[in-house]
Amino acid sequence: MRKTAAPVYIVMVPGNTTTILSVAGVWAYGSAATKTPPIPHISIYHERAGTSAFYEAEIHRVTQRFGNVAHVWSTYAWRRSDGGPVEGRGINSIQLYHDGTRWWITAWIFDSERADNPIPPAFLPAGE
């Protein structure tokens, strides 16, 4: 039996745009009214994003599992320099499947914390 994994998608919402990354390539969409053409490869996304450093660290995790399926809520904080001030936080939502040998990521999406979108206490370390 041949084992395959579903593609991984990462949705980034910086400001007013959404970027969907996948193993096969990157698609960037502007507002609901406009769309930019697909970016053919992730290397082109990196060229357009620049070379700024980005450090992300998990600060809390909630894992829910049923049989061979798991869902992980991974709260993170990010910085522009190693050990620098926290510049933002958010939550990764990761779905996984266990094939009997290893875990495969089947979906990955995240959203950033904002004034109108605070991180709920259940997804923060105790005392925050």
C-alpha atoms as a PDB file:
ATOM      1  CA  MET A   1       0.000   0.000   0.000  1.00  0.00           C
ATOM      2  CA  ARG A   2       1.393   3.404  -0.984  1.00  0.00           C
ATOM      3  CA  LYS A   3       1.272   6.087   1.710  1.00  0.00           C
ATOM      4  CA  THR A   4       0.750   9.702   0.716  1.00  0.00           C
ATOM      5  CA  ALA A   5       0.286  12.905   2.674  1.00  0.00           C
ATOM      6  CA  ALA A   6      -2.114  15.699   1.871  1.00  0.00           C
ATOM      7  CA  PRO A   7      -0.532  19.019   0.860  1.00  0.00           C
ATOM      8  CA  VAL A   8       0.195  21.523   3.601  1.00  0.00           C
ATOM      9  CA  TYR A   9      -1.448  24.924   3.337  1.00  0.00           C
ATOM     10  CA  ILE A  10      -0.473  27.913   5.468  1.00  0.00           C
ATOM     11  CA  VAL A  11      -2.698  30.981   5.367  1.00  0.00           C
ATOM     12  CA  MET A  12      -1.083  34.267   6.353  1.00  0.00           C
ATOM     13  CA  VAL A  13      -3.181  37.392   6.870  1.00  0.00           C
ATOM     14  CA  PRO A  14      -0.848  40.417   7.038  1.00  0.00           C
ATOM     15  CA  GLY A  15      -3.004  43.520   7.165  1.00  0.00           C
ATOM     16  CA  ASN A  16      -5.523  43.386   4.334  1.00  0.00           C
ATOM     17  CA  THR A  17      -4.110  40.527   2.270  1.00  0.00           C
ATOM     18  CA  THR A  18      -4.154  36.765   2.572  1.00  0.00           C
ATOM     19  CA  THR A  19      -1.410  34.453   1.338  1.00  0.00           C
ATOM     20  CA  ILE A  20      -1.929  30.723   0.957  1.00  0.00           C
ATOM     21  CA  LEU A  21       1.257  28.654   0.893  1.00  0.00           C
ATOM     22  CA  SER A  22       1.397  25.052  -0.198  1.00  0.00           C
ATOM     23  CA  VAL A  23       4.037  22.509  -1.054  1.00  0.00           C
ATOM     24  CA  ALA A  24       3.281  23.088  -4.738  1.00  0.00           C
ATOM     25  CA  GLY A  25       3.393  26.861  -4.717  1.00  0.00           C
ATOM     26  CA  VAL A  26       2.032  30.100  -3.371  1.00  0.00           C
ATOM     27  CA  TRP A  27      -1.134  31.940  -4.251  1.00  0.00           C
ATOM     28  CA  ALA A  28      -1.563  35.534  -3.072  1.00  0.00           C
ATOM     29  CA  TYR A  29      -4.931  37.242  -2.972  1.00  0.00           C
ATOM     30  CA  GLY A  30      -5.611  40.903  -2.341  1.00  0.00           C
ATOM     31  CA  SER A  31      -8.993  42.211  -1.237  1.00  0.00           C
ATOM     32  CA  ALA A  32     -12.141  40.266  -2.021  1.00  0.00           C
ATOM     33  CA  ALA A  33     -12.535  42.378  -5.166  1.00  0.00           C
ATOM     34  CA  THR A  34      -9.073  41.758  -6.638  1.00  0.00           C
ATOM     35  CA  LYS A  35      -6.823  38.753  -7.080  1.00  0.00           C
ATOM     36  CA  THR A  36      -3.198  38.585  -8.123  1.00  0.00           C
ATOM     37  CA  PRO A  37      -2.050  35.710 -10.324  1.00  0.00           C
ATOM     38  CA  PRO A  38      -0.576  32.605  -8.685  1.00  0.00           C
ATOM     39  CA  ILE A  39       3.084  32.752  -7.695  1.00  0.00           C
ATOM     40  CA  PRO A  40       4.608  29.647  -9.312  1.00  0.00           C
ATOM     41  CA  HIS A  41       7.055  28.640  -6.548  1.00  0.00           C
ATOM     42  CA  ILE A  42       7.744  29.313  -2.876  1.00  0.00           C
ATOM     43  CA  SER A  43      11.193  30.720  -3.741  1.00  0.00           C
ATOM     44  CA  ILE A  44       9.449  33.605  -5.523  1.00  0.00           C
ATOM     45  CA  TYR A  45       7.397  34.254  -2.386  1.00  0.00           C
ATOM     46  CA  HIS A  46      10.640  34.462  -0.392  1.00  0.00           C
ATOM     47  CA  GLU A  47      12.113  36.890  -2.931  1.00  0.00           C
ATOM     48  CA  ARG A  48       9.074  39.157  -2.602  1.00  0.00           C
ATOM     49  CA  ALA A  49       8.922  38.861   1.212  1.00  0.00           C
ATOM     50  CA  GLY A  50      12.530  40.007   1.637  1.00  0.00           C
ATOM     51  CA  THR A  51      15.236  38.781   3.931  1.00  0.00           C
ATOM     52  CA  SER A  52      14.022  40.087   7.288  1.00  0.00           C
ATOM     53  CA  ALA A  53      14.605  37.701  10.178  1.00  0.00           C
ATOM     54  CA  PHE A  54      11.601  36.112  11.856  1.00  0.00           C
ATOM     55  CA  TYR A  55      11.689  34.163  15.126  1.00  0.00           C
ATOM     56  CA  GLU A  56       8.577  32.304  16.253  1.00  0.00           C
ATOM     57  CA  ALA A  57       8.313  30.430  19.550  1.00  0.00           C
ATOM     58  CA  GLU A  58       5.443  28.357  20.863  1.00  0.00           C
ATOM     59  CA  ILE A  59       4.181  29.691  24.203  1.00  0.00           C
ATOM     60  CA  HIS A  60       1.237  27.323  24.790  1.00  0.00           C
ATOM     61  CA  ARG A  61      -0.272  24.185  23.230  1.00  0.00           C
ATOM     62  CA  VAL A  62      -3.660  22.490  23.389  1.00  0.00           C
ATOM     63  CA  THR A  63      -3.803  19.029  21.781  1.00  0.00           C
ATOM     64  CA  GLN A  64      -6.986  17.076  21.114  1.00  0.00           C
ATOM     65  CA  ARG A  65      -6.750  13.519  19.788  1.00  0.00           C
ATOM     66  CA  PHE A  66      -9.224  10.904  18.678  1.00  0.00           C
ATOM     67  CA  GLY A  67      -7.698   7.684  17.330  1.00  0.00           C
ATOM     68  CA  ASN A  68      -5.462   8.508  14.386  1.00  0.00           C
ATOM     69  CA  VAL A  69      -6.618  12.121  14.110  1.00  0.00           C
ATOM     70  CA  ALA A  70      -5.291  15.032  16.169  1.00  0.00           C
ATOM     71  CA  HIS A  71      -5.810  18.757  16.302  1.00  0.00           C
ATOM     72  CA  VAL A  72      -3.185  21.066  17.812  1.00  0.00           C
ATOM     73  CA  TRP A  73      -3.784  24.680  18.819  1.00  0.00           C
ATOM     74  CA  SER A  74      -0.263  26.131  19.066  1.00  0.00           C
ATOM     75  CA  THR A  75      -0.095  29.659  20.480  1.00  0.00           C
ATOM     76  CA  TYR A  76       3.015  31.536  19.393  1.00  0.00           C
ATOM     77  CA  ALA A  77       4.892  34.779  19.942  1.00  0.00           C
ATOM     78  CA  TRP A  78       7.153  36.224  17.236  1.00  0.00           C
ATOM     79  CA  ARG A  79      10.142  38.551  17.177  1.00  0.00           C
ATOM     80  CA  ARG A  80      12.326  40.140  14.518  1.00  0.00           C
ATOM     81  CA  SER A  81      15.549  39.324  16.393  1.00  0.00           C
ATOM     82  CA  ASP A  82      16.605  36.394  18.557  1.00  0.00           C
ATOM     83  CA  GLY A  83      15.769  37.427  22.123  1.00  0.00           C
ATOM     84  CA  GLY A  84      14.228  40.724  20.950  1.00  0.00           C
ATOM     85  CA  PRO A  85      10.886  42.135  22.085  1.00  0.00           C
ATOM     86  CA  VAL A  86       7.708  40.251  21.191  1.00  0.00           C
ATOM     87  CA  GLU A  87       6.132  41.998  18.201  1.00  0.00           C
ATOM     88  CA  GLY A  88       3.060  39.845  17.831  1.00  0.00           C
ATOM     89  CA  ARG A  89       1.247  36.691  18.842  1.00  0.00           C
ATOM     90  CA  GLY A  90      -1.231  34.330  17.262  1.00  0.00           C
ATOM     91  CA  ILE A  91      -2.479  30.773  17.099  1.00  0.00           C
ATOM     92  CA  ASN A  92      -1.568  28.009  14.651  1.00  0.00           C
ATOM     93  CA  SER A  93      -4.366  25.506  14.015  1.00  0.00           C
ATOM     94  CA  ILE A  94      -2.782  22.232  12.871  1.00  0.00           C
ATOM     95  CA  GLN A  95      -4.601  19.039  11.861  1.00  0.00           C
ATOM     96  CA  LEU A  96      -2.683  15.762  11.798  1.00  0.00           C
ATOM     97  CA  TYR A  97      -3.231  12.144  10.754  1.00  0.00           C
ATOM     98  CA  HIS A  98      -1.304   9.120  12.069  1.00  0.00           C
ATOM     99  CA  ASP A  99      -0.770   6.380   9.475  1.00  0.00           C
ATOM    100  CA  GLY A 100       0.418   3.799  12.012  1.00  0.00           C
ATOM    101  CA  THR A 101       4.054   4.845  11.661  1.00  0.00           C
ATOM    102  CA  ARG A 102       4.202   8.620  11.818  1.00  0.00           C
ATOM    103  CA  TRP A 103       2.109  11.798  12.016  1.00  0.00           C
ATOM    104  CA  TRP A 104       1.294  13.710   8.823  1.00  0.00           C
ATOM    105  CA  ILE A 105       0.163  17.337   8.720  1.00  0.00           C
ATOM    106  CA  THR A 106      -3.043  17.489   6.693  1.00  0.00           C
ATOM    107  CA  ALA A 107      -3.894  21.165   7.258  1.00  0.00           C
ATOM    108  CA  TRP A 108      -2.261  24.199   8.857  1.00  0.00           C
ATOM    109  CA  ILE A 109      -3.723  27.674   9.193  1.00  0.00           C
ATOM    110  CA  PHE A 110      -3.126  30.549  11.573  1.00  0.00           C
ATOM    111  CA  ASP A 111      -4.478  33.900  12.631  1.00  0.00           C
ATOM    112  CA  SER A 112      -2.745  36.780  14.373  1.00  0.00           C
ATOM    113  CA  GLU A 113      -3.819  38.469  17.573  1.00  0.00           C
ATOM    114  CA  ARG A 114      -5.259  41.954  17.025  1.00  0.00           C
ATOM    115  CA  ALA A 115      -7.218  44.459  19.096  1.00  0.00           C
ATOM    116  CA  ASP A 116     -10.452  43.011  17.664  1.00  0.00           C
ATOM    117  CA  ASN A 117      -9.161  39.417  17.868  1.00  0.00           C
ATOM    118  CA  PRO A 118      -7.568  38.786  21.290  1.00  0.00           C
ATOM    119  CA  ILE A 119      -6.245  35.323  22.144  1.00  0.00           C
ATOM    120  CA  PRO A 120      -8.751  33.553  24.448  1.00  0.00           C
ATOM    121  CA  PRO A 121      -7.431  32.642  27.933  1.00  0.00           C
ATOM    122  CA  ALA A 122      -7.784  28.895  27.190  1.00  0.00           C
ATOM    123  CA  PHE A 123      -5.019  29.284  24.579  1.00  0.00           C
ATOM    124  CA  LEU A 124      -2.581  31.222  26.808  1.00  0.00           C
ATOM    125  CA  PRO A 125      -0.140  30.011  29.469  1.00  0.00           C
ATOM    126  CA  ALA A 126      -1.557  29.990  33.019  1.00  0.00           C
ATOM    127  CA  GLY A 127      -1.480  33.436  34.552  1.00  0.00           C
ATOM    128  CA  GLU A 128      -1.564  35.475  31.348  1.00  0.00           C
END
